[in-house]
């Protein structure tokens, strides 16, 4: 547990450092949690109950519509926060699913405990807001790529941002994330020099 908390502390320091006293309170709300491969942690229509901190494994947030189409929105892997963040912070039913792609271990904090700390400590509020802005920035960049870039350019940008992702995430999910079919994705892997 201490090694996981040390990883969490490093991530928190990189986003918005907490004073030792506030870190002590913040570190106490996290509990170990593990999940099997292909386990749904958050279901569309339900409120997100937890903020996750990924220790190991790969997960995805995805949308599934009434025509059996799905869209992978984001991947999470160590060391990062995970879950359906808008549903968590707004406490409304999720529009998305949060699923493990591999066996995964986490620390997780309940919304109630996180909210209480946000109310008690301005530093935690700033941390959460800064983390949300970093996430929003990434989503906006990805939206621009999906709307303006060719499939090959989207693939190249993904590899520039996260060169290790080809080894972490099954290719069918990467293809979906990039808005292309698996066959075209395979062609790009063979065509683009990595």
C-alpha atoms as a PDB file:
ATOM      1  CA  UNK A   1       0.000   0.000   0.000  1.00  0.00           C
ATOM      2  CA  UNK A   2       2.827   2.421   0.828  1.00  0.00           C
ATOM      3  CA  UNK A   3       4.416   1.995  -2.627  1.00  0.00           C
ATOM      4  CA  UNK A   4       1.056   2.806  -4.239  1.00  0.00           C
ATOM      5  CA  UNK A   5       0.639   5.877  -2.037  1.00  0.00           C
ATOM      6  CA  UNK A   6       4.161   6.996  -2.995  1.00  0.00           C
ATOM      7  CA  UNK A   7       3.176   6.779  -6.693  1.00  0.00           C
ATOM      8  CA  UNK A   8       0.001   8.734  -5.970  1.00  0.00           C
ATOM      9  CA  UNK A   9       2.035  11.368  -4.102  1.00  0.00           C
ATOM     10  CA  UNK A  10       4.356  11.769  -7.112  1.00  0.00           C
ATOM     11  CA  UNK A  11       1.396  12.286  -9.438  1.00  0.00           C
ATOM     12  CA  UNK A  12      -0.261  14.750  -7.071  1.00  0.00           C
ATOM     13  CA  UNK A  13       3.016  16.702  -6.798  1.00  0.00           C
ATOM     14  CA  UNK A  14       3.204  16.925 -10.597  1.00  0.00           C
ATOM     15  CA  UNK A  15      -0.348  18.351 -10.818  1.00  0.00           C
ATOM     16  CA  UNK A  16      -0.664  20.572  -7.729  1.00  0.00           C
ATOM     17  CA  UNK A  17       1.455  19.781  -4.643  1.00  0.00           C
ATOM     18  CA  UNK A  18      -0.237  19.501  -1.261  1.00  0.00           C
ATOM     19  CA  UNK A  19       1.225  20.640   2.038  1.00  0.00           C
ATOM     20  CA  UNK A  20       2.304  17.758   4.316  1.00  0.00           C
ATOM     21  CA  UNK A  21      -0.756  18.172   6.547  1.00  0.00           C
ATOM     22  CA  UNK A  22      -3.191  18.155   3.629  1.00  0.00           C
ATOM     23  CA  UNK A  23      -1.374  15.238   1.973  1.00  0.00           C
ATOM     24  CA  UNK A  24      -1.774  13.294   5.214  1.00  0.00           C
ATOM     25  CA  UNK A  25      -5.560  13.822   5.138  1.00  0.00           C
ATOM     26  CA  UNK A  26      -5.723  13.159   1.378  1.00  0.00           C
ATOM     27  CA  UNK A  27      -3.725   9.925   1.586  1.00  0.00           C
ATOM     28  CA  UNK A  28      -6.113   8.493   4.208  1.00  0.00           C
ATOM     29  CA  UNK A  29      -9.147   8.376   1.889  1.00  0.00           C
ATOM     30  CA  UNK A  30      -7.610   5.861  -0.544  1.00  0.00           C
ATOM     31  CA  UNK A  31      -8.339   2.103  -0.344  1.00  0.00           C
ATOM     32  CA  UNK A  32      -6.807  -0.760  -2.347  1.00  0.00           C
ATOM     33  CA  UNK A  33      -9.047  -2.285  -5.014  1.00  0.00           C
ATOM     34  CA  UNK A  34      -8.472  -4.856  -7.741  1.00  0.00           C
ATOM     35  CA  UNK A  35     -10.509  -5.988 -10.720  1.00  0.00           C
ATOM     36  CA  UNK A  36     -10.406  -8.822 -13.217  1.00  0.00           C
ATOM     37  CA  UNK A  37      -9.913  -8.449 -16.954  1.00  0.00           C
ATOM     38  CA  UNK A  38     -12.977  -7.075 -18.828  1.00  0.00           C
ATOM     39  CA  UNK A  39     -14.753  -6.003 -15.632  1.00  0.00           C
ATOM     40  CA  UNK A  40     -17.165  -3.069 -15.827  1.00  0.00           C
ATOM     41  CA  UNK A  41     -16.389  -0.712 -12.948  1.00  0.00           C
ATOM     42  CA  UNK A  42     -18.860   2.008 -13.931  1.00  0.00           C
ATOM     43  CA  UNK A  43     -22.047   1.394 -15.904  1.00  0.00           C
ATOM     44  CA  UNK A  44     -23.848   3.973 -18.013  1.00  0.00           C
ATOM     45  CA  UNK A  45     -26.895   5.217 -16.136  1.00  0.00           C
ATOM     46  CA  UNK A  46     -25.266   4.886 -12.707  1.00  0.00           C
ATOM     47  CA  UNK A  47     -23.478   7.545 -10.683  1.00  0.00           C
ATOM     48  CA  UNK A  48     -19.703   7.234 -10.475  1.00  0.00           C
ATOM     49  CA  UNK A  49     -18.929   6.439  -6.843  1.00  0.00           C
ATOM     50  CA  UNK A  50     -15.123   6.479  -6.923  1.00  0.00           C
ATOM     51  CA  UNK A  51     -12.075   8.286  -8.153  1.00  0.00           C
ATOM     52  CA  UNK A  52      -9.522   5.653  -9.108  1.00  0.00           C
ATOM     53  CA  UNK A  53      -5.752   5.860  -9.094  1.00  0.00           C
ATOM     54  CA  UNK A  54      -4.329   3.209 -11.426  1.00  0.00           C
ATOM     55  CA  UNK A  55      -1.437   1.178 -10.039  1.00  0.00           C
ATOM     56  CA  UNK A  56      -1.335  -1.450 -12.778  1.00  0.00           C
ATOM     57  CA  UNK A  57      -3.381  -2.581 -15.724  1.00  0.00           C
ATOM     58  CA  UNK A  58      -5.160  -0.825 -18.575  1.00  0.00           C
ATOM     59  CA  UNK A  59      -8.712   0.467 -18.600  1.00  0.00           C
ATOM     60  CA  UNK A  60     -10.926   2.410 -20.950  1.00  0.00           C
ATOM     61  CA  UNK A  61     -13.891   4.749 -20.771  1.00  0.00           C
ATOM     62  CA  UNK A  62     -16.294   4.114 -23.634  1.00  0.00           C
ATOM     63  CA  UNK A  63     -19.693   5.104 -24.952  1.00  0.00           C
ATOM     64  CA  UNK A  64     -22.209   2.537 -26.223  1.00  0.00           C
ATOM     65  CA  UNK A  65     -25.278   3.665 -28.165  1.00  0.00           C
ATOM     66  CA  UNK A  66     -28.663   2.118 -28.943  1.00  0.00           C
ATOM     67  CA  UNK A  67     -27.408   0.961 -32.360  1.00  0.00           C
ATOM     68  CA  UNK A  68     -24.676  -1.236 -30.811  1.00  0.00           C
ATOM     69  CA  UNK A  69     -21.907   1.180 -31.755  1.00  0.00           C
ATOM     70  CA  UNK A  70     -19.199   1.933 -29.272  1.00  0.00           C
ATOM     71  CA  UNK A  71     -16.635   4.687 -29.054  1.00  0.00           C
ATOM     72  CA  UNK A  72     -13.543   4.457 -26.878  1.00  0.00           C
ATOM     73  CA  UNK A  73     -13.109   7.869 -25.265  1.00  0.00           C
ATOM     74  CA  UNK A  74      -9.954   7.478 -23.180  1.00  0.00           C
ATOM     75  CA  UNK A  75      -7.511   4.885 -21.840  1.00  0.00           C
ATOM     76  CA  UNK A  76      -6.134   4.912 -18.318  1.00  0.00           C
ATOM     77  CA  UNK A  77      -3.016   3.171 -17.037  1.00  0.00           C
ATOM     78  CA  UNK A  78      -0.418   3.659 -14.322  1.00  0.00           C
ATOM     79  CA  UNK A  79       0.206   6.165 -12.924  1.00  0.00           C
ATOM     80  CA  UNK A  80      -2.988   8.088 -13.643  1.00  0.00           C
ATOM     81  CA  UNK A  81      -6.415   8.847 -12.298  1.00  0.00           C
ATOM     82  CA  UNK A  82      -9.353   6.950 -13.729  1.00  0.00           C
ATOM     83  CA  UNK A  83     -13.101   6.632 -13.705  1.00  0.00           C
ATOM     84  CA  UNK A  84     -15.851   8.632 -15.349  1.00  0.00           C
ATOM     85  CA  UNK A  85     -14.766  11.987 -14.007  1.00  0.00           C
ATOM     86  CA  UNK A  86     -17.692  14.145 -15.125  1.00  0.00           C
ATOM     87  CA  UNK A  87     -20.221  11.754 -13.549  1.00  0.00           C
ATOM     88  CA  UNK A  88     -18.124  11.671 -10.374  1.00  0.00           C
ATOM     89  CA  UNK A  89     -17.713  15.405  -9.928  1.00  0.00           C
ATOM     90  CA  UNK A  90     -21.223  16.367 -11.053  1.00  0.00           C
ATOM     91  CA  UNK A  91     -22.812  13.370  -9.300  1.00  0.00           C
ATOM     92  CA  UNK A  92     -25.129  12.642 -12.198  1.00  0.00           C
ATOM     93  CA  UNK A  93     -25.685   9.323 -13.976  1.00  0.00           C
ATOM     94  CA  UNK A  94     -22.782   8.368 -16.198  1.00  0.00           C
ATOM     95  CA  UNK A  95     -23.176   8.393 -19.970  1.00  0.00           C
ATOM     96  CA  UNK A  96     -20.142   6.125 -20.224  1.00  0.00           C
ATOM     97  CA  UNK A  97     -18.734   2.810 -19.082  1.00  0.00           C
ATOM     98  CA  UNK A  98     -15.413   2.349 -17.296  1.00  0.00           C
ATOM     99  CA  UNK A  99     -13.978  -1.086 -18.062  1.00  0.00           C
ATOM    100  CA  UNK A 100     -10.759  -2.917 -17.285  1.00  0.00           C
ATOM    101  CA  UNK A 101      -8.997  -4.299 -20.361  1.00  0.00           C
ATOM    102  CA  UNK A 102      -6.490  -6.225 -18.236  1.00  0.00           C
ATOM    103  CA  UNK A 103      -6.302  -7.376 -14.631  1.00  0.00           C
ATOM    104  CA  UNK A 104      -6.010  -4.090 -12.765  1.00  0.00           C
ATOM    105  CA  UNK A 105      -5.083  -2.803  -9.326  1.00  0.00           C
ATOM    106  CA  UNK A 106      -6.023   0.589  -7.993  1.00  0.00           C
ATOM    107  CA  UNK A 107      -6.332   2.824  -5.057  1.00  0.00           C
ATOM    108  CA  UNK A 108      -9.793   4.334  -4.979  1.00  0.00           C
ATOM    109  CA  UNK A 109     -11.421   7.104  -2.998  1.00  0.00           C
ATOM    110  CA  UNK A 110     -15.153   7.486  -2.510  1.00  0.00           C
ATOM    111  CA  UNK A 111     -16.871  10.607  -3.767  1.00  0.00           C
ATOM    112  CA  UNK A 112     -18.164  11.361  -0.253  1.00  0.00           C
ATOM    113  CA  UNK A 113     -14.664  11.376   1.265  1.00  0.00           C
ATOM    114  CA  UNK A 114     -13.175  13.316  -1.655  1.00  0.00           C
ATOM    115  CA  UNK A 115     -15.952  15.914  -1.494  1.00  0.00           C
ATOM    116  CA  UNK A 116     -15.443  16.323   2.246  1.00  0.00           C
ATOM    117  CA  UNK A 117     -11.731  17.020   1.685  1.00  0.00           C
ATOM    118  CA  UNK A 118     -12.537  19.504  -1.090  1.00  0.00           C
ATOM    119  CA  UNK A 119     -14.744  21.351   1.396  1.00  0.00           C
ATOM    120  CA  UNK A 120     -12.076  21.246   4.137  1.00  0.00           C
ATOM    121  CA  UNK A 121      -8.940  22.050   2.155  1.00  0.00           C
ATOM    122  CA  UNK A 122      -8.602  24.634  -0.606  1.00  0.00           C
ATOM    123  CA  UNK A 123      -5.470  22.767  -1.773  1.00  0.00           C
ATOM    124  CA  UNK A 124      -7.514  19.652  -2.585  1.00  0.00           C
ATOM    125  CA  UNK A 125     -10.049  21.763  -4.489  1.00  0.00           C
ATOM    126  CA  UNK A 126      -7.187  23.276  -6.513  1.00  0.00           C
ATOM    127  CA  UNK A 127      -5.726  19.795  -7.153  1.00  0.00           C
ATOM    128  CA  UNK A 128      -9.053  18.468  -8.438  1.00  0.00           C
ATOM    129  CA  UNK A 129      -9.679  21.556 -10.576  1.00  0.00           C
ATOM    130  CA  UNK A 130      -6.156  21.451 -12.048  1.00  0.00           C
ATOM    131  CA  UNK A 131      -6.505  17.725 -12.786  1.00  0.00           C
ATOM    132  CA  UNK A 132      -9.850  18.357 -14.485  1.00  0.00           C
ATOM    133  CA  UNK A 133      -8.317  21.135 -16.621  1.00  0.00           C
ATOM    134  CA  UNK A 134      -5.458  18.867 -17.694  1.00  0.00           C
ATOM    135  CA  UNK A 135      -8.017  16.214 -18.679  1.00  0.00           C
ATOM    136  CA  UNK A 136     -10.154  18.756 -20.540  1.00  0.00           C
ATOM    137  CA  UNK A 137      -7.113  20.012 -22.428  1.00  0.00           C
ATOM    138  CA  UNK A 138      -6.376  16.476 -23.605  1.00  0.00           C
ATOM    139  CA  UNK A 139      -9.987  15.918 -24.669  1.00  0.00           C
ATOM    140  CA  UNK A 140     -10.057  19.166 -26.661  1.00  0.00           C
ATOM    141  CA  UNK A 141      -6.820  18.256 -28.422  1.00  0.00           C
ATOM    142  CA  UNK A 142      -8.222  14.827 -29.278  1.00  0.00           C
ATOM    143  CA  UNK A 143     -11.489  16.334 -30.603  1.00  0.00           C
ATOM    144  CA  UNK A 144      -9.533  18.593 -32.941  1.00  0.00           C
ATOM    145  CA  UNK A 145      -7.497  15.611 -34.157  1.00  0.00           C
ATOM    146  CA  UNK A 146     -10.627  13.511 -34.789  1.00  0.00           C
ATOM    147  CA  UNK A 147     -12.287  16.295 -36.760  1.00  0.00           C
ATOM    148  CA  UNK A 148      -9.334  17.675 -38.703  1.00  0.00           C
ATOM    149  CA  UNK A 149      -6.613  15.035 -39.081  1.00  0.00           C
ATOM    150  CA  UNK A 150      -6.345  12.110 -41.460  1.00  0.00           C
ATOM    151  CA  UNK A 151      -6.318   8.595 -40.000  1.00  0.00           C
ATOM    152  CA  UNK A 152      -2.563   8.398 -40.528  1.00  0.00           C
ATOM    153  CA  UNK A 153      -1.974  11.746 -38.827  1.00  0.00           C
ATOM    154  CA  UNK A 154      -4.165  10.706 -35.865  1.00  0.00           C
ATOM    155  CA  UNK A 155      -2.121   7.503 -35.598  1.00  0.00           C
ATOM    156  CA  UNK A 156       1.180   9.414 -35.724  1.00  0.00           C
ATOM    157  CA  UNK A 157       0.016  11.916 -33.061  1.00  0.00           C
ATOM    158  CA  UNK A 158      -1.038   9.079 -30.766  1.00  0.00           C
ATOM    159  CA  UNK A 159       2.412   7.513 -31.077  1.00  0.00           C
ATOM    160  CA  UNK A 160       4.101  10.868 -30.429  1.00  0.00           C
ATOM    161  CA  UNK A 161       2.064  11.355 -27.236  1.00  0.00           C
ATOM    162  CA  UNK A 162       2.186   7.751 -26.021  1.00  0.00           C
ATOM    163  CA  UNK A 163       4.728   5.638 -27.936  1.00  0.00           C
ATOM    164  CA  UNK A 164       4.285   2.737 -25.500  1.00  0.00           C
ATOM    165  CA  UNK A 165       0.537   2.442 -26.118  1.00  0.00           C
ATOM    166  CA  UNK A 166       0.890  -0.190 -28.852  1.00  0.00           C
ATOM    167  CA  UNK A 167       2.272  -2.593 -26.249  1.00  0.00           C
ATOM    168  CA  UNK A 168      -0.355  -1.734 -23.601  1.00  0.00           C
ATOM    169  CA  UNK A 169      -3.688  -1.644 -25.405  1.00  0.00           C
ATOM    170  CA  UNK A 170      -5.186  -4.251 -27.745  1.00  0.00           C
ATOM    171  CA  UNK A 171      -5.132  -2.888 -31.285  1.00  0.00           C
ATOM    172  CA  UNK A 172      -8.901  -3.214 -31.830  1.00  0.00           C
ATOM    173  CA  UNK A 173      -9.453  -0.687 -29.025  1.00  0.00           C
ATOM    174  CA  UNK A 174      -6.783   1.656 -30.388  1.00  0.00           C
ATOM    175  CA  UNK A 175      -8.445   1.517 -33.815  1.00  0.00           C
ATOM    176  CA  UNK A 176     -11.795   2.380 -32.221  1.00  0.00           C
ATOM    177  CA  UNK A 177     -10.207   5.206 -30.217  1.00  0.00           C
ATOM    178  CA  UNK A 178      -8.771   6.661 -33.434  1.00  0.00           C
ATOM    179  CA  UNK A 179     -12.071   6.315 -35.297  1.00  0.00           C
ATOM    180  CA  UNK A 180     -10.951   3.706 -37.832  1.00  0.00           C
ATOM    181  CA  UNK A 181     -11.573   0.051 -38.503  1.00  0.00           C
ATOM    182  CA  UNK A 182      -9.103  -2.591 -37.333  1.00  0.00           C
ATOM    183  CA  UNK A 183      -7.976  -3.457 -40.885  1.00  0.00           C
ATOM    184  CA  UNK A 184      -6.908   0.116 -41.639  1.00  0.00           C
ATOM    185  CA  UNK A 185      -5.195   0.282 -38.253  1.00  0.00           C
ATOM    186  CA  UNK A 186      -3.168  -2.845 -39.095  1.00  0.00           C
ATOM    187  CA  UNK A 187      -2.164  -1.307 -42.428  1.00  0.00           C
ATOM    188  CA  UNK A 188      -0.959   1.833 -40.626  1.00  0.00           C
ATOM    189  CA  UNK A 189       1.133  -0.202 -38.195  1.00  0.00           C
ATOM    190  CA  UNK A 190       2.898  -1.815 -41.153  1.00  0.00           C
ATOM    191  CA  UNK A 191       3.180   1.462 -43.101  1.00  0.00           C
ATOM    192  CA  UNK A 192       4.234   4.027 -40.494  1.00  0.00           C
ATOM    193  CA  UNK A 193       7.811   3.864 -39.234  1.00  0.00           C
ATOM    194  CA  UNK A 194       7.721   3.651 -35.464  1.00  0.00           C
END
